[in-house]
Amino acid sequence: MNTANARWYPTTRRAAITLLGGIALATFLGACDDSDRAVAPTAPLFTPGSGTGSTLIGRGTFAEPFKVKRKTGDWEVEIKAKDPLDIAVQSITFQPGGHSGWHRHPGPVFIQVVSGTMTFYESDDPSCKPTVRTAGQGYLDTGEHAHIARNESGAPATNVVTYFAPVGAALRIDVSPAPGNCPF
């Protein structure tokens, strides 16, 4: 790394710390029980498939470009944005047999399965191969093509979802008709 060109201005450092802290806080809050908390009515973020319910935890705009790069031992992560973006966090519960319906997103989506078991299918997979995630596991949707999330188990499942999207963009874009690579 060329350290002569690597400058951390207070604003950039503050934005990086705010982004990482916001993601950590949203993840923590998504795992908390908020059944007794009053929630103001909001417009739905998407058209639900079937057997789902969701709660928007928060959505915020990061107006300044940023680049965060961290390395600890063999672990390394880099997050950067040239343009302003929104980051939104939502909790989605799927009843047994519930599904999201085929949809896509305008940007990457980090999905954390916090309880139960979820199965994901991608529209660009001609074999319709399932990807199964259980509580404590994550799934990354790059936002480049349609997919469907299904609870094929006999128990409820909950995901905490973190969306990265252009400012003001819809977080979900329904796909119709279904892509046809899966029988559902």
N, C-alpha and C. Protein backbone atom coordinates (compact mmCIF):
# COMPACT_ATOMS: atom_id res chain seq x y z
N MET A 1 0.86 -1.19 0.00
CA MET A 1 0.00 0.00 0.00
C MET A 1 0.89 1.23 0.00
N ASN A 2 0.61 2.19 -0.85
CA ASN A 2 1.35 3.42 -0.93
C ASN A 2 0.85 4.36 0.17
N THR A 3 1.63 4.48 1.24
CA THR A 3 1.18 5.29 2.38
C THR A 3 1.22 6.78 2.07
N ALA A 4 1.96 7.19 1.04
CA ALA A 4 2.00 8.60 0.69
C ALA A 4 0.64 9.08 0.20
N ASN A 5 -0.13 8.19 -0.41
CA ASN A 5 -1.44 8.57 -0.93
C ASN A 5 -2.58 8.18 0.01
N ALA A 6 -2.28 7.49 1.08
CA ALA A 6 -3.34 7.04 2.01
C ALA A 6 -3.53 8.11 3.07
N ARG A 7 -4.61 8.84 2.98
CA ARG A 7 -4.89 9.90 3.94
C ARG A 7 -6.23 9.64 4.59
N TRP A 8 -6.26 9.77 5.88
CA TRP A 8 -7.51 9.61 6.63
C TRP A 8 -7.88 10.98 7.17
N TYR A 9 -8.80 11.63 6.53
CA TYR A 9 -9.31 12.90 7.02
C TYR A 9 -10.32 12.62 8.11
N PRO A 10 -10.48 13.54 9.04
CA PRO A 10 -11.44 13.31 10.12
C PRO A 10 -12.84 12.97 9.61
N THR A 11 -13.29 13.62 8.53
CA THR A 11 -14.62 13.33 8.00
C THR A 11 -14.70 11.91 7.47
N THR A 12 -13.69 11.46 6.75
CA THR A 12 -13.67 10.10 6.20
C THR A 12 -13.64 9.09 7.32
N ARG A 13 -12.81 9.31 8.30
CA ARG A 13 -12.72 8.39 9.44
C ARG A 13 -14.06 8.34 10.18
N ARG A 14 -14.67 9.51 10.39
CA ARG A 14 -15.95 9.56 11.07
C ARG A 14 -17.01 8.79 10.27
N ALA A 15 -17.03 8.95 8.94
CA ALA A 15 -18.01 8.24 8.10
C ALA A 15 -17.78 6.74 8.18
N ALA A 16 -16.52 6.31 8.16
CA ALA A 16 -16.22 4.88 8.23
C ALA A 16 -16.66 4.29 9.57
N ILE A 17 -16.34 5.00 10.64
CA ILE A 17 -16.73 4.52 11.97
C ILE A 17 -18.24 4.51 12.11
N THR A 18 -18.90 5.55 11.59
CA THR A 18 -20.36 5.61 11.64
C THR A 18 -20.98 4.46 10.87
N LEU A 19 -20.47 4.15 9.67
CA LEU A 19 -21.00 3.05 8.86
C LEU A 19 -20.86 1.73 9.59
N LEU A 20 -19.66 1.42 10.05
CA LEU A 20 -19.44 0.15 10.73
C LEU A 20 -20.23 0.06 12.03
N GLY A 21 -20.30 1.14 12.77
CA GLY A 21 -21.08 1.15 14.01
C GLY A 21 -22.57 1.00 13.72
N GLY A 22 -23.05 1.64 12.67
CA GLY A 22 -24.46 1.53 12.30
C GLY A 22 -24.84 0.11 11.91
N ILE A 23 -23.98 -0.54 11.15
CA ILE A 23 -24.25 -1.93 10.76
C ILE A 23 -24.26 -2.82 11.99
N ALA A 24 -23.29 -2.64 12.88
CA ALA A 24 -23.24 -3.47 14.09
C ALA A 24 -24.47 -3.22 14.96
N LEU A 25 -24.85 -1.95 15.14
CA LEU A 25 -26.02 -1.63 15.96
C LEU A 25 -27.30 -2.20 15.34
N ALA A 26 -27.45 -2.05 14.03
CA ALA A 26 -28.65 -2.57 13.37
C ALA A 26 -28.74 -4.07 13.49
N THR A 27 -27.60 -4.75 13.38
CA THR A 27 -27.59 -6.20 13.53
C THR A 27 -28.00 -6.58 14.94
N PHE A 28 -27.46 -5.88 15.95
CA PHE A 28 -27.81 -6.17 17.34
C PHE A 28 -29.29 -5.91 17.59
N LEU A 29 -29.78 -4.76 17.13
CA LEU A 29 -31.18 -4.42 17.36
C LEU A 29 -32.11 -5.38 16.64
N GLY A 30 -31.69 -5.89 15.49
CA GLY A 30 -32.52 -6.84 14.75
C GLY A 30 -32.73 -8.13 15.50
N ALA A 31 -31.83 -8.47 16.39
CA ALA A 31 -31.95 -9.71 17.14
C ALA A 31 -32.77 -9.52 18.42
N CYS A 32 -33.08 -8.27 18.78
CA CYS A 32 -33.82 -8.00 20.01
C CYS A 32 -35.31 -8.18 19.77
N ASP A 33 -36.01 -8.56 20.83
CA ASP A 33 -37.46 -8.71 20.77
C ASP A 33 -38.09 -7.34 20.90
N ASP A 34 -38.84 -6.91 19.88
CA ASP A 34 -39.48 -5.61 19.93
C ASP A 34 -41.00 -5.73 19.88
N SER A 35 -41.52 -6.85 20.38
CA SER A 35 -42.95 -7.09 20.29
C SER A 35 -43.77 -6.10 21.12
N ASP A 36 -43.17 -5.46 22.12
CA ASP A 36 -43.92 -4.50 22.93
C ASP A 36 -43.63 -3.05 22.54
N ARG A 37 -42.86 -2.85 21.48
CA ARG A 37 -42.51 -1.51 21.05
C ARG A 37 -43.53 -1.02 20.02
N ALA A 38 -44.00 0.21 20.22
CA ALA A 38 -44.92 0.80 19.25
C ALA A 38 -44.15 1.14 17.98
N VAL A 39 -44.71 0.79 16.85
CA VAL A 39 -44.07 1.05 15.57
C VAL A 39 -45.01 1.92 14.75
N ALA A 40 -44.50 3.05 14.28
CA ALA A 40 -45.31 3.93 13.46
C ALA A 40 -45.58 3.26 12.12
N PRO A 41 -46.78 3.42 11.58
CA PRO A 41 -47.08 2.82 10.28
C PRO A 41 -46.17 3.41 9.21
N THR A 42 -45.69 2.57 8.33
CA THR A 42 -44.86 3.02 7.22
C THR A 42 -45.35 2.35 5.96
N ALA A 43 -44.96 2.92 4.83
CA ALA A 43 -45.29 2.28 3.56
C ALA A 43 -44.50 0.99 3.46
N PRO A 44 -45.08 -0.07 2.90
CA PRO A 44 -44.35 -1.32 2.80
C PRO A 44 -43.13 -1.17 1.90
N LEU A 45 -42.05 -1.84 2.27
CA LEU A 45 -40.85 -1.80 1.46
C LEU A 45 -40.98 -2.66 0.22
N PHE A 46 -41.86 -3.64 0.26
CA PHE A 46 -42.02 -4.51 -0.88
C PHE A 46 -43.36 -5.21 -0.79
N THR A 47 -43.74 -5.85 -1.85
CA THR A 47 -44.95 -6.65 -1.86
C THR A 47 -44.59 -8.03 -1.34
N PRO A 48 -45.13 -8.44 -0.19
CA PRO A 48 -44.76 -9.74 0.37
C PRO A 48 -45.17 -10.88 -0.54
N GLY A 49 -44.43 -11.97 -0.48
CA GLY A 49 -44.80 -13.18 -1.21
C GLY A 49 -46.01 -13.78 -0.52
N SER A 50 -45.76 -14.69 0.40
CA SER A 50 -46.83 -15.34 1.14
C SER A 50 -46.29 -15.80 2.48
N GLY A 51 -47.05 -15.58 3.55
CA GLY A 51 -46.65 -16.05 4.86
C GLY A 51 -45.46 -15.33 5.45
N THR A 52 -45.34 -14.02 5.15
CA THR A 52 -44.23 -13.23 5.68
C THR A 52 -44.75 -12.00 6.40
N GLY A 53 -43.93 -11.48 7.29
CA GLY A 53 -44.19 -10.21 7.95
C GLY A 53 -42.86 -9.51 8.15
N SER A 54 -42.85 -8.18 8.05
CA SER A 54 -41.57 -7.48 8.15
C SER A 54 -41.69 -6.22 8.99
N THR A 55 -40.56 -5.81 9.54
CA THR A 55 -40.44 -4.57 10.30
C THR A 55 -39.19 -3.85 9.84
N LEU A 56 -39.34 -2.60 9.39
CA LEU A 56 -38.19 -1.79 9.04
C LEU A 56 -37.53 -1.33 10.33
N ILE A 57 -36.28 -1.67 10.52
CA ILE A 57 -35.55 -1.26 11.71
C ILE A 57 -34.99 0.14 11.52
N GLY A 58 -34.50 0.43 10.33
CA GLY A 58 -33.99 1.76 10.05
C GLY A 58 -33.47 1.87 8.64
N ARG A 59 -33.43 3.11 8.14
CA ARG A 59 -32.87 3.42 6.82
C ARG A 59 -32.18 4.76 6.93
N GLY A 60 -30.93 4.82 6.48
CA GLY A 60 -30.18 6.06 6.56
C GLY A 60 -29.38 6.31 5.30
N THR A 61 -29.16 7.59 4.99
CA THR A 61 -28.39 7.98 3.82
C THR A 61 -26.97 8.33 4.23
N PHE A 62 -26.02 7.78 3.53
CA PHE A 62 -24.61 8.11 3.69
C PHE A 62 -24.24 8.97 2.49
N ALA A 63 -24.15 10.29 2.70
CA ALA A 63 -24.05 11.25 1.61
C ALA A 63 -22.65 11.42 1.05
N GLU A 64 -21.64 11.12 1.83
CA GLU A 64 -20.27 11.35 1.37
C GLU A 64 -19.62 10.04 0.91
N PRO A 65 -18.76 10.12 -0.11
CA PRO A 65 -18.02 8.92 -0.52
C PRO A 65 -17.18 8.40 0.65
N PHE A 66 -16.96 7.09 0.68
CA PHE A 66 -16.13 6.53 1.74
C PHE A 66 -15.43 5.27 1.25
N LYS A 67 -14.35 4.95 1.93
CA LYS A 67 -13.63 3.70 1.69
C LYS A 67 -13.11 3.24 3.04
N VAL A 68 -13.49 2.04 3.42
CA VAL A 68 -13.05 1.45 4.68
C VAL A 68 -12.34 0.16 4.33
N LYS A 69 -11.11 0.03 4.79
CA LYS A 69 -10.36 -1.20 4.55
C LYS A 69 -9.70 -1.60 5.87
N ARG A 70 -9.96 -2.83 6.29
CA ARG A 70 -9.40 -3.33 7.54
C ARG A 70 -8.79 -4.70 7.30
N LYS A 71 -7.67 -4.94 7.97
CA LYS A 71 -7.02 -6.24 7.89
C LYS A 71 -6.50 -6.58 9.28
N THR A 72 -6.83 -7.79 9.72
CA THR A 72 -6.35 -8.32 10.98
C THR A 72 -5.92 -9.75 10.73
N GLY A 73 -4.64 -10.00 10.77
CA GLY A 73 -4.15 -11.34 10.47
C GLY A 73 -4.53 -11.74 9.06
N ASP A 74 -5.19 -12.88 8.91
CA ASP A 74 -5.63 -13.36 7.60
C ASP A 74 -6.98 -12.78 7.18
N TRP A 75 -7.65 -12.08 8.09
CA TRP A 75 -8.98 -11.53 7.80
C TRP A 75 -8.83 -10.14 7.19
N GLU A 76 -9.61 -9.88 6.12
CA GLU A 76 -9.57 -8.57 5.48
C GLU A 76 -10.96 -8.23 4.94
N VAL A 77 -11.33 -6.96 5.05
CA VAL A 77 -12.61 -6.49 4.51
C VAL A 77 -12.40 -5.10 3.92
N GLU A 78 -13.13 -4.82 2.84
CA GLU A 78 -13.08 -3.50 2.23
C GLU A 78 -14.50 -3.13 1.79
N ILE A 79 -14.92 -1.94 2.17
CA ILE A 79 -16.23 -1.41 1.78
C ILE A 79 -15.98 0.00 1.25
N LYS A 80 -16.50 0.28 0.06
CA LYS A 80 -16.33 1.63 -0.47
C LYS A 80 -17.54 2.03 -1.29
N ALA A 81 -17.76 3.33 -1.34
CA ALA A 81 -18.86 3.89 -2.13
C ALA A 81 -18.41 5.23 -2.70
N LYS A 82 -18.57 5.40 -4.01
CA LYS A 82 -18.24 6.67 -4.66
C LYS A 82 -19.40 7.65 -4.54
N ASP A 83 -20.61 7.11 -4.66
CA ASP A 83 -21.80 7.94 -4.67
C ASP A 83 -22.56 7.79 -3.35
N PRO A 84 -23.43 8.74 -3.03
CA PRO A 84 -24.26 8.58 -1.84
C PRO A 84 -25.07 7.29 -1.92
N LEU A 85 -25.37 6.69 -0.77
CA LEU A 85 -26.16 5.48 -0.75
C LEU A 85 -27.01 5.42 0.49
N ASP A 86 -28.05 4.61 0.41
CA ASP A 86 -28.88 4.31 1.57
C ASP A 86 -28.52 2.93 2.08
N ILE A 87 -28.51 2.79 3.39
CA ILE A 87 -28.39 1.48 4.02
C ILE A 87 -29.63 1.31 4.88
N ALA A 88 -30.34 0.21 4.64
CA ALA A 88 -31.57 -0.07 5.38
C ALA A 88 -31.47 -1.44 6.01
N VAL A 89 -32.09 -1.58 7.18
CA VAL A 89 -32.10 -2.86 7.89
C VAL A 89 -33.55 -3.22 8.19
N GLN A 90 -33.89 -4.47 7.94
CA GLN A 90 -35.26 -4.94 8.09
C GLN A 90 -35.25 -6.34 8.69
N SER A 91 -36.21 -6.61 9.54
CA SER A 91 -36.41 -7.95 10.08
C SER A 91 -37.60 -8.57 9.33
N ILE A 92 -37.42 -9.78 8.80
CA ILE A 92 -38.47 -10.46 8.05
C ILE A 92 -38.69 -11.83 8.66
N THR A 93 -39.94 -12.12 9.01
CA THR A 93 -40.30 -13.43 9.55
C THR A 93 -41.08 -14.21 8.50
N PHE A 94 -40.70 -15.46 8.32
CA PHE A 94 -41.35 -16.37 7.37
C PHE A 94 -42.02 -17.48 8.15
N GLN A 95 -43.32 -17.63 7.97
CA GLN A 95 -44.03 -18.75 8.57
C GLN A 95 -43.67 -20.02 7.79
N PRO A 96 -43.91 -21.21 8.36
CA PRO A 96 -43.64 -22.44 7.61
C PRO A 96 -44.36 -22.40 6.26
N GLY A 97 -43.63 -22.67 5.19
CA GLY A 97 -44.19 -22.60 3.84
C GLY A 97 -44.20 -21.21 3.25
N GLY A 98 -43.82 -20.18 4.03
CA GLY A 98 -43.81 -18.81 3.53
C GLY A 98 -42.67 -18.59 2.55
N HIS A 99 -42.84 -17.60 1.68
CA HIS A 99 -41.79 -17.27 0.70
C HIS A 99 -41.85 -15.79 0.34
N SER A 100 -40.76 -15.30 -0.23
CA SER A 100 -40.65 -13.89 -0.58
C SER A 100 -41.26 -13.55 -1.92
N GLY A 101 -41.50 -14.54 -2.77
CA GLY A 101 -41.84 -14.26 -4.16
C GLY A 101 -40.55 -13.91 -4.90
N TRP A 102 -40.56 -14.10 -6.21
CA TRP A 102 -39.36 -13.78 -7.00
C TRP A 102 -39.17 -12.27 -7.04
N HIS A 103 -37.96 -11.82 -6.77
CA HIS A 103 -37.65 -10.40 -6.75
C HIS A 103 -36.15 -10.21 -6.89
N ARG A 104 -35.76 -8.96 -7.06
CA ARG A 104 -34.33 -8.60 -7.07
C ARG A 104 -34.18 -7.29 -6.30
N HIS A 105 -32.93 -6.85 -6.15
CA HIS A 105 -32.63 -5.64 -5.40
C HIS A 105 -31.72 -4.74 -6.24
N PRO A 106 -31.72 -3.42 -5.98
CA PRO A 106 -30.87 -2.52 -6.75
C PRO A 106 -29.40 -2.56 -6.33
N GLY A 107 -29.09 -3.23 -5.25
CA GLY A 107 -27.71 -3.32 -4.76
C GLY A 107 -27.55 -4.57 -3.93
N PRO A 108 -26.38 -4.76 -3.34
CA PRO A 108 -26.14 -5.97 -2.55
C PRO A 108 -26.97 -5.99 -1.27
N VAL A 109 -27.29 -7.21 -0.84
CA VAL A 109 -28.10 -7.42 0.36
C VAL A 109 -27.44 -8.51 1.20
N PHE A 110 -27.17 -8.19 2.46
CA PHE A 110 -26.61 -9.15 3.40
C PHE A 110 -27.77 -9.70 4.23
N ILE A 111 -27.97 -11.02 4.16
CA ILE A 111 -29.08 -11.67 4.84
C ILE A 111 -28.52 -12.52 5.97
N GLN A 112 -29.01 -12.29 7.18
CA GLN A 112 -28.60 -13.08 8.34
C GLN A 112 -29.81 -13.87 8.81
N VAL A 113 -29.69 -15.19 8.83
CA VAL A 113 -30.76 -16.02 9.36
C VAL A 113 -30.56 -16.04 10.88
N VAL A 114 -31.49 -15.46 11.62
CA VAL A 114 -31.33 -15.38 13.08
C VAL A 114 -32.11 -16.46 13.81
N SER A 115 -33.10 -17.06 13.15
CA SER A 115 -33.78 -18.22 13.73
C SER A 115 -34.39 -19.04 12.60
N GLY A 116 -34.45 -20.34 12.81
CA GLY A 116 -35.05 -21.22 11.82
C GLY A 116 -34.10 -21.57 10.68
N THR A 117 -34.70 -22.01 9.58
CA THR A 117 -33.95 -22.44 8.39
C THR A 117 -34.59 -21.81 7.16
N MET A 118 -33.75 -21.23 6.29
CA MET A 118 -34.23 -20.62 5.05
C MET A 118 -33.54 -21.28 3.86
N THR A 119 -34.26 -21.33 2.74
CA THR A 119 -33.71 -21.87 1.50
C THR A 119 -33.82 -20.80 0.42
N PHE A 120 -32.72 -20.58 -0.30
CA PHE A 120 -32.65 -19.54 -1.32
C PHE A 120 -32.43 -20.20 -2.69
N TYR A 121 -33.07 -19.63 -3.71
CA TYR A 121 -32.94 -20.09 -5.08
C TYR A 121 -32.64 -18.88 -5.97
N GLU A 122 -31.76 -19.06 -6.94
CA GLU A 122 -31.34 -17.98 -7.84
C GLU A 122 -31.93 -18.19 -9.23
N SER A 123 -32.34 -17.09 -9.87
CA SER A 123 -32.95 -17.19 -11.20
C SER A 123 -31.96 -17.57 -12.29
N ASP A 124 -30.67 -17.35 -12.05
CA ASP A 124 -29.67 -17.67 -13.08
C ASP A 124 -29.11 -19.08 -12.93
N ASP A 125 -29.71 -19.91 -12.07
CA ASP A 125 -29.27 -21.30 -11.88
C ASP A 125 -30.27 -22.23 -12.58
N PRO A 126 -29.91 -22.76 -13.77
CA PRO A 126 -30.86 -23.59 -14.50
C PRO A 126 -31.25 -24.87 -13.77
N SER A 127 -30.43 -25.31 -12.81
CA SER A 127 -30.74 -26.55 -12.08
C SER A 127 -31.62 -26.29 -10.85
N CYS A 128 -31.89 -25.03 -10.52
CA CYS A 128 -32.72 -24.66 -9.36
C CYS A 128 -32.17 -25.30 -8.08
N LYS A 129 -30.86 -25.23 -7.91
CA LYS A 129 -30.21 -25.83 -6.73
C LYS A 129 -30.49 -24.98 -5.49
N PRO A 130 -30.97 -25.59 -4.41
CA PRO A 130 -31.24 -24.84 -3.18
C PRO A 130 -29.95 -24.50 -2.42
N THR A 131 -29.94 -23.34 -1.80
CA THR A 131 -28.89 -22.97 -0.86
C THR A 131 -29.57 -22.82 0.49
N VAL A 132 -29.22 -23.68 1.43
CA VAL A 132 -29.88 -23.72 2.74
C VAL A 132 -29.01 -23.02 3.77
N ARG A 133 -29.63 -22.14 4.56
CA ARG A 133 -28.94 -21.44 5.65
C ARG A 133 -29.76 -21.62 6.93
N THR A 134 -29.05 -21.87 8.03
CA THR A 134 -29.70 -22.04 9.33
C THR A 134 -29.33 -20.88 10.24
N ALA A 135 -29.96 -20.82 11.41
CA ALA A 135 -29.72 -19.73 12.37
C ALA A 135 -28.22 -19.55 12.60
N GLY A 136 -27.78 -18.31 12.51
CA GLY A 136 -26.38 -17.98 12.70
C GLY A 136 -25.58 -17.93 11.41
N GLN A 137 -26.19 -18.27 10.29
CA GLN A 137 -25.50 -18.23 9.01
C GLN A 137 -26.02 -17.07 8.17
N GLY A 138 -25.19 -16.65 7.22
CA GLY A 138 -25.55 -15.54 6.35
C GLY A 138 -25.61 -15.95 4.90
N TYR A 139 -26.23 -15.09 4.11
CA TYR A 139 -26.37 -15.30 2.67
C TYR A 139 -26.20 -13.94 2.00
N LEU A 140 -25.37 -13.86 0.99
CA LEU A 140 -25.14 -12.61 0.27
C LEU A 140 -25.85 -12.66 -1.07
N ASP A 141 -26.74 -11.70 -1.28
CA ASP A 141 -27.38 -11.51 -2.58
C ASP A 141 -26.72 -10.29 -3.21
N THR A 142 -26.07 -10.48 -4.35
CA THR A 142 -25.35 -9.38 -4.98
C THR A 142 -26.27 -8.36 -5.65
N GLY A 143 -27.55 -8.70 -5.80
CA GLY A 143 -28.49 -7.77 -6.39
C GLY A 143 -28.48 -7.76 -7.91
N GLU A 144 -27.78 -8.70 -8.52
CA GLU A 144 -27.63 -8.69 -9.97
C GLU A 144 -28.70 -9.48 -10.71
N HIS A 145 -29.45 -10.30 -10.02
CA HIS A 145 -30.48 -11.12 -10.67
C HIS A 145 -31.55 -11.48 -9.65
N ALA A 146 -32.64 -12.05 -10.13
CA ALA A 146 -33.77 -12.38 -9.25
C ALA A 146 -33.47 -13.61 -8.40
N HIS A 147 -34.17 -13.67 -7.28
CA HIS A 147 -34.05 -14.82 -6.39
C HIS A 147 -35.35 -14.93 -5.58
N ILE A 148 -35.47 -16.03 -4.85
CA ILE A 148 -36.61 -16.24 -3.97
C ILE A 148 -36.09 -16.85 -2.68
N ALA A 149 -36.65 -16.41 -1.56
CA ALA A 149 -36.32 -16.97 -0.24
C ALA A 149 -37.55 -17.75 0.22
N ARG A 150 -37.32 -18.99 0.68
CA ARG A 150 -38.44 -19.85 1.07
C ARG A 150 -38.17 -20.50 2.43
N ASN A 151 -39.20 -20.59 3.24
CA ASN A 151 -39.11 -21.35 4.48
C ASN A 151 -39.75 -22.70 4.20
N GLU A 152 -38.91 -23.68 3.91
CA GLU A 152 -39.39 -25.01 3.56
C GLU A 152 -39.41 -25.93 4.78
N SER A 153 -39.25 -25.34 5.96
CA SER A 153 -39.25 -26.13 7.20
C SER A 153 -40.64 -26.08 7.84
N GLY A 154 -40.77 -26.74 8.96
CA GLY A 154 -42.04 -26.76 9.68
C GLY A 154 -42.10 -25.77 10.82
N ALA A 155 -41.13 -24.85 10.91
CA ALA A 155 -41.09 -23.87 12.00
C ALA A 155 -40.84 -22.48 11.43
N PRO A 156 -41.28 -21.42 12.13
CA PRO A 156 -41.01 -20.06 11.66
C PRO A 156 -39.51 -19.79 11.55
N ALA A 157 -39.16 -18.85 10.68
CA ALA A 157 -37.76 -18.44 10.51
C ALA A 157 -37.73 -16.92 10.41
N THR A 158 -36.66 -16.32 10.94
CA THR A 158 -36.51 -14.87 10.89
C THR A 158 -35.15 -14.52 10.31
N ASN A 159 -35.16 -13.55 9.40
CA ASN A 159 -33.94 -13.00 8.81
C ASN A 159 -33.81 -11.54 9.21
N VAL A 160 -32.58 -11.08 9.41
CA VAL A 160 -32.29 -9.65 9.49
C VAL A 160 -31.53 -9.32 8.22
N VAL A 161 -32.07 -8.36 7.46
CA VAL A 161 -31.58 -8.08 6.12
C VAL A 161 -31.01 -6.66 6.08
N THR A 162 -29.79 -6.51 5.54
CA THR A 162 -29.16 -5.21 5.39
C THR A 162 -29.02 -4.91 3.90
N TYR A 163 -29.70 -3.86 3.45
CA TYR A 163 -29.72 -3.47 2.04
C TYR A 163 -28.75 -2.31 1.81
N PHE A 164 -28.03 -2.34 0.69
CA PHE A 164 -27.24 -1.22 0.19
C PHE A 164 -27.91 -0.81 -1.12
N ALA A 165 -28.34 0.46 -1.23
CA ALA A 165 -29.12 0.87 -2.39
C ALA A 165 -28.85 2.33 -2.73
N PRO A 166 -29.12 2.72 -3.99
CA PRO A 166 -29.06 4.14 -4.33
C PRO A 166 -30.04 4.93 -3.44
N VAL A 167 -29.73 6.18 -3.19
CA VAL A 167 -30.55 7.02 -2.32
C VAL A 167 -32.00 7.06 -2.84
N GLY A 168 -32.93 6.73 -1.95
CA GLY A 168 -34.35 6.79 -2.27
C GLY A 168 -34.89 5.65 -3.11
N ALA A 169 -34.05 4.73 -3.53
CA ALA A 169 -34.50 3.63 -4.41
C ALA A 169 -35.37 2.64 -3.65
N ALA A 170 -36.26 1.99 -4.38
CA ALA A 170 -37.02 0.88 -3.81
C ALA A 170 -36.03 -0.21 -3.44
N LEU A 171 -36.24 -0.84 -2.29
CA LEU A 171 -35.31 -1.88 -1.84
C LEU A 171 -35.61 -3.23 -2.48
N ARG A 172 -36.79 -3.38 -3.02
CA ARG A 172 -37.20 -4.64 -3.64
C ARG A 172 -37.87 -4.32 -4.97
N ILE A 173 -37.55 -5.12 -5.99
CA ILE A 173 -38.15 -4.99 -7.31
C ILE A 173 -38.76 -6.35 -7.65
N ASP A 174 -40.09 -6.41 -7.70
CA ASP A 174 -40.76 -7.67 -7.99
C ASP A 174 -40.46 -8.12 -9.42
N VAL A 175 -40.37 -9.44 -9.60
CA VAL A 175 -40.11 -10.03 -10.91
C VAL A 175 -41.34 -10.81 -11.32
N SER A 176 -41.87 -10.46 -12.47
CA SER A 176 -43.05 -11.16 -12.98
C SER A 176 -42.93 -11.25 -14.49
N PRO A 177 -43.13 -12.41 -15.05
CA PRO A 177 -43.46 -13.68 -14.41
C PRO A 177 -42.23 -14.29 -13.75
N ALA A 178 -42.45 -15.39 -13.03
CA ALA A 178 -41.34 -16.12 -12.41
C ALA A 178 -40.35 -16.52 -13.51
N PRO A 179 -39.05 -16.60 -13.20
CA PRO A 179 -38.05 -16.87 -14.23
C PRO A 179 -38.19 -18.21 -14.94
N GLY A 180 -38.83 -19.19 -14.32
CA GLY A 180 -39.08 -20.45 -15.00
C GLY A 180 -38.05 -21.54 -14.78
N ASN A 181 -36.97 -21.24 -14.08
CA ASN A 181 -35.96 -22.28 -13.83
C ASN A 181 -36.33 -23.19 -12.66
N CYS A 182 -37.28 -22.78 -11.84
CA CYS A 182 -37.76 -23.58 -10.71
C CYS A 182 -39.25 -23.86 -10.90
N PRO A 183 -39.76 -24.94 -10.34
CA PRO A 183 -41.17 -25.28 -10.53
C PRO A 183 -42.13 -24.41 -9.72
N PHE A 184 -41.64 -23.43 -8.98
CA PHE A 184 -42.51 -22.57 -8.17
C PHE A 184 -42.34 -21.13 -8.57
